[in-house]
Amino acid sequence: AANDMPTMARWLQEQPAGPRTDQARVSLGEVQLEREPTEAMR
């Protein structure tokens, strides 16, 4: 998430729901929160 948010966001769209994708959204959201807080909430 810290190094490549766009690629991670695209990867998330293709993954099934589960604990890993939930954690990935937390990781991605933490980085987005510094730059795009509204997107982080989504």
PDB file of all heavy atoms in Angstrom:
ATOM      1  N   ALA A   1       0.827  -1.205   0.000  1.00  0.00           N
ATOM      2  CA  ALA A   1       0.000   0.000   0.000  1.00  0.00           C
ATOM      3  C   ALA A   1       0.862   1.257   0.000  1.00  0.00           C
ATOM      4  O   ALA A   1       0.555   2.242  -0.685  1.00  0.00           O
ATOM      5  CB  ALA A   1      -0.932   0.000   1.202  1.00  0.00           C
ATOM      6  N   ALA A   2       1.929   1.244   0.762  1.00  0.00           N
ATOM      7  CA  ALA A   2       2.782   2.424   0.853  1.00  0.00           C
ATOM      8  C   ALA A   2       3.540   2.695  -0.432  1.00  0.00           C
ATOM      9  O   ALA A   2       3.870   3.844  -0.733  1.00  0.00           O
ATOM     10  CB  ALA A   2       3.775   2.249   2.001  1.00  0.00           C
ATOM     11  N   ASN A   3       3.802   1.647  -1.213  1.00  0.00           N
ATOM     12  CA  ASN A   3       4.628   1.804  -2.406  1.00  0.00           C
ATOM     13  C   ASN A   3       3.848   1.865  -3.710  1.00  0.00           C
ATOM     14  O   ASN A   3       4.338   2.442  -4.684  1.00  0.00           O
ATOM     15  CB  ASN A   3       5.646   0.647  -2.482  1.00  0.00           C
ATOM     16  CG  ASN A   3       6.790   0.826  -1.518  1.00  0.00           C
ATOM     17  OD1 ASN A   3       7.779   1.484  -1.806  1.00  0.00           O
ATOM     18  ND2 ASN A   3       6.649   0.246  -0.333  1.00  0.00           N
ATOM     19  N   ASP A   4       2.649   1.288  -3.753  1.00  0.00           N
ATOM     20  CA  ASP A   4       1.919   1.257  -5.029  1.00  0.00           C
ATOM     21  C   ASP A   4       0.423   1.116  -4.767  1.00  0.00           C
ATOM     22  O   ASP A   4      -0.163   0.051  -4.938  1.00  0.00           O
ATOM     23  CB  ASP A   4       2.437   0.096  -5.886  1.00  0.00           C
ATOM     24  CG  ASP A   4       1.893   0.134  -7.321  1.00  0.00           C
ATOM     25  OD1 ASP A   4       1.063   1.017  -7.624  1.00  0.00           O
ATOM     26  OD2 ASP A   4       2.307  -0.719  -8.129  1.00  0.00           O
ATOM     27  N   MET A   5      -0.200   2.214  -4.382  1.00  0.00           N
ATOM     28  CA  MET A   5      -1.634   2.188  -4.080  1.00  0.00           C
ATOM     29  C   MET A   5      -2.494   1.795  -5.285  1.00  0.00           C
ATOM     30  O   MET A   5      -3.417   0.991  -5.148  1.00  0.00           O
ATOM     31  CB  MET A   5      -2.092   3.554  -3.557  1.00  0.00           C
ATOM     32  CG  MET A   5      -1.721   3.847  -2.137  1.00  0.00           C
ATOM     33  SD  MET A   5      -2.719   5.223  -1.474  1.00  0.00           S
ATOM     34  CE  MET A   5      -2.426   6.493  -2.702  1.00  0.00           C
ATOM     35  N   PRO A   6      -2.249   2.362  -6.488  1.00  0.00           N
ATOM     36  CA  PRO A   6      -3.136   2.037  -7.617  1.00  0.00           C
ATOM     37  C   PRO A   6      -3.172   0.557  -7.948  1.00  0.00           C
ATOM     38  O   PRO A   6      -4.254  -0.009  -8.174  1.00  0.00           O
ATOM     39  CB  PRO A   6      -2.541   2.865  -8.767  1.00  0.00           C
ATOM     40  CG  PRO A   6      -1.823   3.993  -8.097  1.00  0.00           C
ATOM     41  CD  PRO A   6      -1.255   3.404  -6.849  1.00  0.00           C
ATOM     42  N   THR A   7      -2.000  -0.083  -7.975  1.00  0.00           N
ATOM     43  CA  THR A   7      -1.970  -1.514  -8.305  1.00  0.00           C
ATOM     44  C   THR A   7      -2.667  -2.325  -7.225  1.00  0.00           C
ATOM     45  O   THR A   7      -3.401  -3.285  -7.518  1.00  0.00           O
ATOM     46  CB  THR A   7      -0.517  -1.989  -8.473  1.00  0.00           C
ATOM     47  OG1 THR A   7       0.110  -1.225  -9.505  1.00  0.00           O
ATOM     48  CG2 THR A   7      -0.463  -3.467  -8.838  1.00  0.00           C
ATOM     49  N   MET A   8      -2.473  -1.957  -5.985  1.00  0.00           N
ATOM     50  CA  MET A   8      -3.122  -2.676  -4.899  1.00  0.00           C
ATOM     51  C   MET A   8      -4.638  -2.514  -4.977  1.00  0.00           C
ATOM     52  O   MET A   8      -5.388  -3.478  -4.749  1.00  0.00           O
ATOM     53  CB  MET A   8      -2.610  -2.175  -3.557  1.00  0.00           C
ATOM     54  CG  MET A   8      -3.122  -2.982  -2.378  1.00  0.00           C
ATOM     55  SD  MET A   8      -2.435  -2.392  -0.818  1.00  0.00           S
ATOM     56  CE  MET A   8      -2.858  -3.752   0.266  1.00  0.00           C
ATOM     57  N   ALA A   9      -5.100  -1.325  -5.309  1.00  0.00           N
ATOM     58  CA  ALA A   9      -6.538  -1.098  -5.419  1.00  0.00           C
ATOM     59  C   ALA A   9      -7.134  -1.945  -6.532  1.00  0.00           C
ATOM     60  O   ALA A   9      -8.225  -2.524  -6.379  1.00  0.00           O
ATOM     61  CB  ALA A   9      -6.806   0.383  -5.671  1.00  0.00           C
ATOM     62  N   ARG A  10      -6.444  -2.053  -7.656  1.00  0.00           N
ATOM     63  CA  ARG A  10      -6.946  -2.903  -8.754  1.00  0.00           C
ATOM     64  C   ARG A  10      -6.941  -4.370  -8.349  1.00  0.00           C
ATOM     65  O   ARG A  10      -7.878  -5.115  -8.673  1.00  0.00           O
ATOM     66  CB  ARG A  10      -6.077  -2.687 -10.001  1.00  0.00           C
ATOM     67  CG  ARG A  10      -6.275  -1.328 -10.659  1.00  0.00           C
ATOM     68  CD  ARG A  10      -5.650  -1.296 -12.047  1.00  0.00           C
ATOM     69  NE  ARG A  10      -4.205  -1.457 -12.006  1.00  0.00           N
ATOM     70  CZ  ARG A  10      -3.342  -0.445 -11.873  1.00  0.00           C
ATOM     71  NH1 ARG A  10      -3.786   0.804 -11.760  1.00  0.00           N
ATOM     72  NH2 ARG A  10      -2.047  -0.674 -11.861  1.00  0.00           N
ATOM     73  N   TRP A  11      -5.906  -4.786  -7.646  1.00  0.00           N
ATOM     74  CA  TRP A  11      -5.832  -6.178  -7.184  1.00  0.00           C
ATOM     75  C   TRP A  11      -7.002  -6.495  -6.261  1.00  0.00           C
ATOM     76  O   TRP A  11      -7.605  -7.577  -6.356  1.00  0.00           O
ATOM     77  CB  TRP A  11      -4.499  -6.377  -6.468  1.00  0.00           C
ATOM     78  CG  TRP A  11      -4.321  -7.706  -5.791  1.00  0.00           C
ATOM     79  CD1 TRP A  11      -3.931  -8.876  -6.360  1.00  0.00           C
ATOM     80  CD2 TRP A  11      -4.524  -7.979  -4.387  1.00  0.00           C
ATOM     81  NE1 TRP A  11      -3.877  -9.875  -5.404  1.00  0.00           N
ATOM     82  CE2 TRP A  11      -4.236  -9.352  -4.191  1.00  0.00           C
ATOM     83  CE3 TRP A  11      -4.917  -7.223  -3.301  1.00  0.00           C
ATOM     84  CZ2 TRP A  11      -4.318  -9.961  -2.941  1.00  0.00           C
ATOM     85  CZ3 TRP A  11      -4.999  -7.820  -2.053  1.00  0.00           C
ATOM     86  CH2 TRP A  11      -4.709  -9.167  -1.884  1.00  0.00           C
ATOM     87  N   LEU A  12      -7.345  -5.567  -5.392  1.00  0.00           N
ATOM     88  CA  LEU A  12      -8.444  -5.784  -4.460  1.00  0.00           C
ATOM     89  C   LEU A  12      -9.768  -6.018  -5.180  1.00  0.00           C
ATOM     90  O   LEU A  12     -10.599  -6.811  -4.732  1.00  0.00           O
ATOM     91  CB  LEU A  12      -8.576  -4.582  -3.524  1.00  0.00           C
ATOM     92  CG  LEU A  12      -7.812  -4.649  -2.208  1.00  0.00           C
ATOM     93  CD1 LEU A  12      -7.871  -3.308  -1.486  1.00  0.00           C
ATOM     94  CD2 LEU A  12      -8.364  -5.758  -1.321  1.00  0.00           C
ATOM     95  N   GLN A  13      -9.977  -5.344  -6.282  1.00  0.00           N
ATOM     96  CA  GLN A  13     -11.230  -5.486  -7.021  1.00  0.00           C
ATOM     97  C   GLN A  13     -11.409  -6.892  -7.576  1.00  0.00           C
ATOM     98  O   GLN A  13     -12.534  -7.332  -7.840  1.00  0.00           O
ATOM     99  CB  GLN A  13     -11.280  -4.475  -8.160  1.00  0.00           C
ATOM    100  CG  GLN A  13     -11.353  -3.031  -7.687  1.00  0.00           C
ATOM    101  CD  GLN A  13     -11.263  -2.038  -8.829  1.00  0.00           C
ATOM    102  OE1 GLN A  13     -11.103  -2.423  -9.995  1.00  0.00           O
ATOM    103  NE2 GLN A  13     -11.375  -0.763  -8.508  1.00  0.00           N
ATOM    104  N   GLU A  14     -10.298  -7.605  -7.735  1.00  0.00           N
ATOM    105  CA  GLU A  14     -10.348  -8.945  -8.345  1.00  0.00           C
ATOM    106  C   GLU A  14     -10.327 -10.065  -7.310  1.00  0.00           C
ATOM    107  O   GLU A  14     -10.417 -11.244  -7.672  1.00  0.00           O
ATOM    108  CB  GLU A  14      -9.155  -9.114  -9.294  1.00  0.00           C
ATOM    109  CG  GLU A  14      -9.110  -8.078 -10.414  1.00  0.00           C
ATOM    110  CD  GLU A  14      -7.788  -8.118 -11.167  1.00  0.00           C
ATOM    111  OE1 GLU A  14      -6.893  -8.891 -10.739  1.00  0.00           O
ATOM    112  OE2 GLU A  14      -7.642  -7.397 -12.170  1.00  0.00           O
ATOM    113  N   GLN A  15     -10.200  -9.721  -6.027  1.00  0.00           N
ATOM    114  CA  GLN A  15     -10.052 -10.743  -4.988  1.00  0.00           C
ATOM    115  C   GLN A  15     -11.385 -11.062  -4.318  1.00  0.00           C
ATOM    116  O   GLN A  15     -12.229 -10.186  -4.139  1.00  0.00           O
ATOM    117  CB  GLN A  15      -9.063 -10.272  -3.925  1.00  0.00           C
ATOM    118  CG  GLN A  15      -7.683  -9.943  -4.459  1.00  0.00           C
ATOM    119  CD  GLN A  15      -7.047 -11.102  -5.183  1.00  0.00           C
ATOM    120  OE1 GLN A  15      -6.948 -12.214  -4.652  1.00  0.00           O
ATOM    121  NE2 GLN A  15      -6.630 -10.858  -6.419  1.00  0.00           N
ATOM    122  N   PRO A  16     -11.579 -12.322  -3.935  1.00  0.00           N
ATOM    123  CA  PRO A  16     -12.800 -12.674  -3.184  1.00  0.00           C
ATOM    124  C   PRO A  16     -12.750 -12.092  -1.778  1.00  0.00           C
ATOM    125  O   PRO A  16     -11.680 -11.817  -1.237  1.00  0.00           O
ATOM    126  CB  PRO A  16     -12.758 -14.207  -3.157  1.00  0.00           C
ATOM    127  CG  PRO A  16     -11.299 -14.546  -3.273  1.00  0.00           C
ATOM    128  CD  PRO A  16     -10.710 -13.496  -4.166  1.00  0.00           C
ATOM    129  N   ALA A  17     -13.900 -11.900  -1.206  1.00  0.00           N
ATOM    130  CA  ALA A  17     -13.974 -11.370   0.160  1.00  0.00           C
ATOM    131  C   ALA A  17     -13.352 -12.367   1.133  1.00  0.00           C
ATOM    132  O   ALA A  17     -13.423 -13.583   0.947  1.00  0.00           O
ATOM    133  CB  ALA A  17     -15.422 -11.090   0.537  1.00  0.00           C
ATOM    134  N   GLY A  18     -12.738 -11.845   2.175  1.00  0.00           N
ATOM    135  CA  GLY A  18     -12.131 -12.717   3.172  1.00  0.00           C
ATOM    136  C   GLY A  18     -11.208 -11.922   4.070  1.00  0.00           C
ATOM    137  O   GLY A  18     -11.012 -10.711   3.893  1.00  0.00           O
ATOM    138  N   PRO A  19     -10.611 -12.573   5.055  1.00  0.00           N
ATOM    139  CA  PRO A  19      -9.739 -11.871   6.003  1.00  0.00           C
ATOM    140  C   PRO A  19      -8.576 -11.148   5.337  1.00  0.00           C
ATOM    141  O   PRO A  19      -8.189 -10.061   5.759  1.00  0.00           O
ATOM    142  CB  PRO A  19      -9.244 -12.997   6.918  1.00  0.00           C
ATOM    143  CG  PRO A  19     -10.312 -14.048   6.832  1.00  0.00           C
ATOM    144  CD  PRO A  19     -10.807 -13.991   5.425  1.00  0.00           C
ATOM    145  N   ARG A  20      -8.003 -11.753   4.278  1.00  0.00           N
ATOM    146  CA  ARG A  20      -6.851 -11.103   3.645  1.00  0.00           C
ATOM    147  C   ARG A  20      -7.265  -9.811   2.961  1.00  0.00           C
ATOM    148  O   ARG A  20      -6.576  -8.786   3.092  1.00  0.00           O
ATOM    149  CB  ARG A  20      -6.185 -12.036   2.636  1.00  0.00           C
ATOM    150  CG  ARG A  20      -5.088 -11.340   1.820  1.00  0.00           C
ATOM    151  CD  ARG A  20      -4.327 -12.285   0.934  1.00  0.00           C
ATOM    152  NE  ARG A  20      -3.448 -13.123   1.725  1.00  0.00           N
ATOM    153  CZ  ARG A  20      -2.659 -14.064   1.229  1.00  0.00           C
ATOM    154  NH1 ARG A  20      -2.659 -14.300  -0.065  1.00  0.00           N
ATOM    155  NH2 ARG A  20      -1.878 -14.782   2.014  1.00  0.00           N
ATOM    156  N   THR A  21      -8.351  -9.836   2.227  1.00  0.00           N
ATOM    157  CA  THR A  21      -8.774  -8.607   1.549  1.00  0.00           C
ATOM    158  C   THR A  21      -9.247  -7.563   2.556  1.00  0.00           C
ATOM    159  O   THR A  21      -9.085  -6.359   2.332  1.00  0.00           O
ATOM    160  CB  THR A  21      -9.870  -8.898   0.521  1.00  0.00           C
ATOM    161  OG1 THR A  21     -10.918  -9.646   1.142  1.00  0.00           O
ATOM    162  CG2 THR A  21      -9.327  -9.692  -0.658  1.00  0.00           C
ATOM    163  N   ASP A  22      -9.823  -8.018   3.654  1.00  0.00           N
ATOM    164  CA  ASP A  22     -10.198  -7.050   4.692  1.00  0.00           C
ATOM    165  C   ASP A  22      -8.945  -6.342   5.225  1.00  0.00           C
ATOM    166  O   ASP A  22      -8.932  -5.116   5.380  1.00  0.00           O
ATOM    167  CB  ASP A  22     -10.918  -7.752   5.844  1.00  0.00           C
ATOM    168  CG  ASP A  22     -12.381  -8.055   5.519  1.00  0.00           C
ATOM    169  OD1 ASP A  22     -12.869  -7.583   4.461  1.00  0.00           O
ATOM    170  OD2 ASP A  22     -13.026  -8.763   6.310  1.00  0.00           O
ATOM    171  N   GLN A  23      -7.907  -7.121   5.526  1.00  0.00           N
ATOM    172  CA  GLN A  23      -6.672  -6.514   6.020  1.00  0.00           C
ATOM    173  C   GLN A  23      -6.044  -5.626   4.952  1.00  0.00           C
ATOM    174  O   GLN A  23      -5.491  -4.565   5.253  1.00  0.00           O
ATOM    175  CB  GLN A  23      -5.679  -7.586   6.451  1.00  0.00           C
ATOM    176  CG  GLN A  23      -4.345  -7.041   6.932  1.00  0.00           C
ATOM    177  CD  GLN A  23      -4.491  -6.017   8.042  1.00  0.00           C
ATOM    178  OE1 GLN A  23      -5.170  -6.267   9.028  1.00  0.00           O
ATOM    179  NE2 GLN A  23      -3.862  -4.852   7.891  1.00  0.00           N
ATOM    180  N   ALA A  24      -6.124  -6.051   3.695  1.00  0.00           N
ATOM    181  CA  ALA A  24      -5.568  -5.239   2.609  1.00  0.00           C
ATOM    182  C   ALA A  24      -6.262  -3.884   2.537  1.00  0.00           C
ATOM    183  O   ALA A  24      -5.625  -2.858   2.284  1.00  0.00           O
ATOM    184  CB  ALA A  24      -5.713  -5.979   1.276  1.00  0.00           C
ATOM    185  N   ARG A  25      -7.569  -3.882   2.777  1.00  0.00           N
ATOM    186  CA  ARG A  25      -8.302  -2.607   2.755  1.00  0.00           C
ATOM    187  C   ARG A  25      -7.876  -1.705   3.922  1.00  0.00           C
ATOM    188  O   ARG A  25      -7.826  -0.484   3.781  1.00  0.00           O
ATOM    189  CB  ARG A  25      -9.805  -2.858   2.763  1.00  0.00           C
ATOM    190  CG  ARG A  25     -10.316  -3.380   1.433  1.00  0.00           C
ATOM    191  CD  ARG A  25     -11.840  -3.479   1.371  1.00  0.00           C
ATOM    192  NE  ARG A  25     -12.265  -3.698   0.004  1.00  0.00           N
ATOM    193  CZ  ARG A  25     -12.390  -4.895  -0.580  1.00  0.00           C
ATOM    194  NH1 ARG A  25     -12.145  -5.990   0.144  1.00  0.00           N
ATOM    195  NH2 ARG A  25     -12.742  -5.002  -1.838  1.00  0.00           N
ATOM    196  N   VAL A  26      -7.581  -2.299   5.053  1.00  0.00           N
ATOM    197  CA  VAL A  26      -7.074  -1.494   6.167  1.00  0.00           C
ATOM    198  C   VAL A  26      -5.721  -0.889   5.782  1.00  0.00           C
ATOM    199  O   VAL A  26      -5.479   0.307   5.993  1.00  0.00           O
ATOM    200  CB  VAL A  26      -6.938  -2.346   7.447  1.00  0.00           C
ATOM    201  CG1 VAL A  26      -6.246  -1.546   8.541  1.00  0.00           C
ATOM    202  CG2 VAL A  26      -8.304  -2.821   7.924  1.00  0.00           C
ATOM    203  N   SER A  27      -4.842  -1.716   5.223  1.00  0.00           N
ATOM    204  CA  SER A  27      -3.517  -1.225   4.825  1.00  0.00           C
ATOM    205  C   SER A  27      -3.634  -0.115   3.790  1.00  0.00           C
ATOM    206  O   SER A  27      -2.963   0.922   3.899  1.00  0.00           O
ATOM    207  CB  SER A  27      -2.679  -2.385   4.260  1.00  0.00           C
ATOM    208  OG  SER A  27      -2.459  -3.387   5.234  1.00  0.00           O
ATOM    209  N   LEU A  28      -4.477  -0.336   2.798  1.00  0.00           N
ATOM    210  CA  LEU A  28      -4.664   0.674   1.760  1.00  0.00           C
ATOM    211  C   LEU A  28      -5.301   1.933   2.328  1.00  0.00           C
ATOM    212  O   LEU A  28      -4.889   3.055   2.022  1.00  0.00           O
ATOM    213  CB  LEU A  28      -5.522   0.101   0.634  1.00  0.00           C
ATOM    214  CG  LEU A  28      -5.811   1.026  -0.554  1.00  0.00           C
ATOM    215  CD1 LEU A  28      -4.517   1.457  -1.227  1.00  0.00           C
ATOM    216  CD2 LEU A  28      -6.733   0.322  -1.551  1.00  0.00           C
ATOM    217  N   GLY A  29      -6.302   1.753   3.168  1.00  0.00           N
ATOM    218  CA  GLY A  29      -6.991   2.896   3.748  1.00  0.00           C
ATOM    219  C   GLY A  29      -6.079   3.759   4.594  1.00  0.00           C
ATOM    220  O   GLY A  29      -6.202   4.991   4.602  1.00  0.00           O
ATOM    221  N   GLU A  30      -5.144   3.151   5.321  1.00  0.00           N
ATOM    222  CA  GLU A  30      -4.227   3.930   6.157  1.00  0.00           C
ATOM    223  C   GLU A  30      -3.383   4.882   5.325  1.00  0.00           C
ATOM    224  O   GLU A  30      -3.106   6.009   5.731  1.00  0.00           O
ATOM    225  CB  GLU A  30      -3.335   2.987   6.960  1.00  0.00           C
ATOM    226  CG  GLU A  30      -4.053   2.308   8.113  1.00  0.00           C
ATOM    227  CD  GLU A  30      -3.169   1.338   8.860  1.00  0.00           C
ATOM    228  OE1 GLU A  30      -2.226   0.798   8.243  1.00  0.00           O
ATOM    229  OE2 GLU A  30      -3.408   1.111  10.052  1.00  0.00           O
ATOM    230  N   VAL A  31      -2.970   4.422   4.154  1.00  0.00           N
ATOM    231  CA  VAL A  31      -2.184   5.288   3.281  1.00  0.00           C
ATOM    232  C   VAL A  31      -3.078   6.344   2.634  1.00  0.00           C
ATOM    233  O   VAL A  31      -2.715   7.519   2.550  1.00  0.00           O
ATOM    234  CB  VAL A  31      -1.453   4.454   2.211  1.00  0.00           C
ATOM    235  CG1 VAL A  31      -0.643   5.350   1.290  1.00  0.00           C
ATOM    236  CG2 VAL A  31      -0.531   3.435   2.880  1.00  0.00           C
ATOM    237  N   GLN A  32      -4.258   5.932   2.187  1.00  0.00           N
ATOM    238  CA  GLN A  32      -5.180   6.886   1.568  1.00  0.00           C
ATOM    239  C   GLN A  32      -5.603   7.984   2.542  1.00  0.00           C
ATOM    240  O   GLN A  32      -5.832   9.120   2.135  1.00  0.00           O
ATOM    241  CB  GLN A  32      -6.432   6.147   1.065  1.00  0.00           C
ATOM    242  CG  GLN A  32      -6.186   5.250  -0.128  1.00  0.00           C
ATOM    243  CD  GLN A  32      -7.417   4.441  -0.473  1.00  0.00           C
ATOM    244  OE1 GLN A  32      -8.202   4.075   0.412  1.00  0.00           O
ATOM    245  NE2 GLN A  32      -7.586   4.129  -1.760  1.00  0.00           N
ATOM    246  N   LEU A  33      -5.696   7.640   3.801  1.00  0.00           N
ATOM    247  CA  LEU A  33      -6.168   8.594   4.797  1.00  0.00           C
ATOM    248  C   LEU A  33      -5.282   9.837   4.856  1.00  0.00           C
ATOM    249  O   LEU A  33      -5.759  10.931   5.155  1.00  0.00           O
ATOM    250  CB  LEU A  33      -6.225   7.923   6.168  1.00  0.00           C
ATOM    251  CG  LEU A  33      -6.886   8.702   7.303  1.00  0.00           C
ATOM    252  CD1 LEU A  33      -8.333   9.044   6.961  1.00  0.00           C
ATOM    253  CD2 LEU A  33      -6.829   7.899   8.600  1.00  0.00           C
ATOM    254  N   GLU A  34      -4.010   9.680   4.556  1.00  0.00           N
ATOM    255  CA  GLU A  34      -3.093  10.815   4.570  1.00  0.00           C
ATOM    256  C   GLU A  34      -3.285  11.695   3.342  1.00  0.00           C
ATOM    257  O   GLU A  34      -2.919  12.872   3.364  1.00  0.00           O
ATOM    258  CB  GLU A  34      -1.644  10.321   4.617  1.00  0.00           C
ATOM    259  CG  GLU A  34      -1.306   9.492   5.842  1.00  0.00           C
ATOM    260  CD  GLU A  34      -1.250  10.338   7.107  1.00  0.00           C
ATOM    261  OE1 GLU A  34      -1.162  11.574   6.978  1.00  0.00           O
ATOM    262  OE2 GLU A  34      -1.291   9.761   8.210  1.00  0.00           O
ATOM    263  N   ARG A  35      -3.849  11.132   2.271  1.00  0.00           N
ATOM    264  CA  ARG A  35      -3.920  11.871   1.011  1.00  0.00           C
ATOM    265  C   ARG A  35      -5.348  12.110   0.538  1.00  0.00           C
ATOM    266  O   ARG A  35      -5.676  13.183   0.049  1.00  0.00           O
ATOM    267  CB  ARG A  35      -3.159  11.092  -0.081  1.00  0.00           C
ATOM    268  CG  ARG A  35      -1.771  10.633   0.357  1.00  0.00           C
ATOM    269  CD  ARG A  35      -1.141   9.699  -0.666  1.00  0.00           C
ATOM    270  NE  ARG A  35       0.055   9.024  -0.143  1.00  0.00           N
ATOM    271  CZ  ARG A  35       0.778   8.156  -0.812  1.00  0.00           C
ATOM    272  NH1 ARG A  35       0.445   7.847  -2.064  1.00  0.00           N
ATOM    273  NH2 ARG A  35       1.836   7.599  -0.277  1.00  0.00           N
ATOM    274  N   GLU A  36      -6.158  11.081   0.659  1.00  0.00           N
ATOM    275  CA  GLU A  36      -7.534  11.148   0.164  1.00  0.00           C
ATOM    276  C   GLU A  36      -8.464  10.547   1.215  1.00  0.00           C
ATOM    277  O   GLU A  36      -8.937   9.411   1.061  1.00  0.00           O
ATOM    278  CB  GLU A  36      -7.662  10.365  -1.150  1.00  0.00           C
ATOM    279  CG  GLU A  36      -6.683  10.796  -2.241  1.00  0.00           C
ATOM    280  CD  GLU A  36      -6.654   9.803  -3.399  1.00  0.00           C
ATOM    281  OE1 GLU A  36      -6.931   8.603  -3.170  1.00  0.00           O
ATOM    282  OE2 GLU A  36      -6.367  10.223  -4.521  1.00  0.00           O
ATOM    283  N   PRO A  37      -8.737  11.258   2.291  1.00  0.00           N
ATOM    284  CA  PRO A  37      -9.498  10.660   3.395  1.00  0.00           C
ATOM    285  C   PRO A  37     -10.886  10.158   3.003  1.00  0.00           C
ATOM    286  O   PRO A  37     -11.333   9.131   3.523  1.00  0.00           O
ATOM    287  CB  PRO A  37      -9.570  11.791   4.426  1.00  0.00           C
ATOM    288  CG  PRO A  37      -9.184  13.030   3.708  1.00  0.00           C
ATOM    289  CD  PRO A  37      -8.285  12.628   2.595  1.00  0.00           C
ATOM    290  N   THR A  38     -11.556  10.847   2.096  1.00  0.00           N
ATOM    291  CA  THR A  38     -12.874  10.371   1.675  1.00  0.00           C
ATOM    292  C   THR A  38     -12.766   9.021   0.985  1.00  0.00           C
ATOM    293  O   THR A  38     -13.575   8.113   1.217  1.00  0.00           O
ATOM    294  CB  THR A  38     -13.537  11.395   0.730  1.00  0.00           C
ATOM    295  OG1 THR A  38     -13.607  12.665   1.391  1.00  0.00           O
ATOM    296  CG2 THR A  38     -14.934  10.949   0.343  1.00  0.00           C
ATOM    297  N   GLU A  39     -11.730   8.873   0.148  1.00  0.00           N
ATOM    298  CA  GLU A  39     -11.509   7.594  -0.523  1.00  0.00           C
ATOM    299  C   GLU A  39     -11.135   6.521   0.493  1.00  0.00           C
ATOM    300  O   GLU A  39     -11.550   5.354   0.358  1.00  0.00           O
ATOM    301  CB  GLU A  39     -10.396   7.741  -1.558  1.00  0.00           C
ATOM    302  CG  GLU A  39     -10.179   6.522  -2.447  1.00  0.00           C
ATOM    303  CD  GLU A  39     -11.403   6.206  -3.304  1.00  0.00           C
ATOM    304  OE1 GLU A  39     -12.129   7.146  -3.667  1.00  0.00           O
ATOM    305  OE2 GLU A  39     -11.613   5.006  -3.610  1.00  0.00           O
ATOM    306  N   ALA A  40     -10.398   6.893   1.517  1.00  0.00           N
ATOM    307  CA  ALA A  40     -10.041   5.936   2.561  1.00  0.00           C
ATOM    308  C   ALA A  40     -11.295   5.403   3.242  1.00  0.00           C
ATOM    309  O   ALA A  40     -11.410   4.202   3.527  1.00  0.00           O
ATOM    310  CB  ALA A  40      -9.122   6.595   3.587  1.00  0.00           C
ATOM    311  N   MET A  41     -12.264   6.270   3.504  1.00  0.00           N
ATOM    312  CA  MET A  41     -13.508   5.830   4.135  1.00  0.00           C
ATOM    313  C   MET A  41     -14.281   4.879   3.223  1.00  0.00           C
ATOM    314  O   MET A  41     -14.883   3.910   3.699  1.00  0.00           O
ATOM    315  CB  MET A  41     -14.363   7.047   4.489  1.00  0.00           C
ATOM    316  CG  MET A  41     -13.751   7.918   5.573  1.00  0.00           C
ATOM    317  SD  MET A  41     -13.333   6.968   7.063  1.00  0.00           S
ATOM    318  CE  MET A  41     -13.134   8.256   8.277  1.00  0.00           C
ATOM    319  N   ARG A  42     -14.261   5.140   1.923  1.00  0.00           N
ATOM    320  CA  ARG A  42     -14.932   4.222   0.990  1.00  0.00           C
ATOM    321  C   ARG A  42     -14.236   2.861   0.986  1.00  0.00           C
ATOM    322  O   ARG A  42     -14.895   1.815   0.928  1.00  0.00           O
ATOM    323  CB  ARG A  42     -14.949   4.817  -0.418  1.00  0.00           C
ATOM    324  CG  ARG A  42     -16.041   5.842  -0.641  1.00  0.00           C
ATOM    325  CD  ARG A  42     -16.261   6.115  -2.111  1.00  0.00           C
ATOM    326  NE  ARG A  42     -15.173   6.900  -2.671  1.00  0.00           N
ATOM    327  CZ  ARG A  42     -15.168   8.225  -2.757  1.00  0.00           C
ATOM    328  NH1 ARG A  42     -16.198   8.916  -2.299  1.00  0.00           N
ATOM    329  NH2 ARG A  42     -14.149   8.860  -3.286  1.00  0.00           N
TER     330      ARG A  42
END
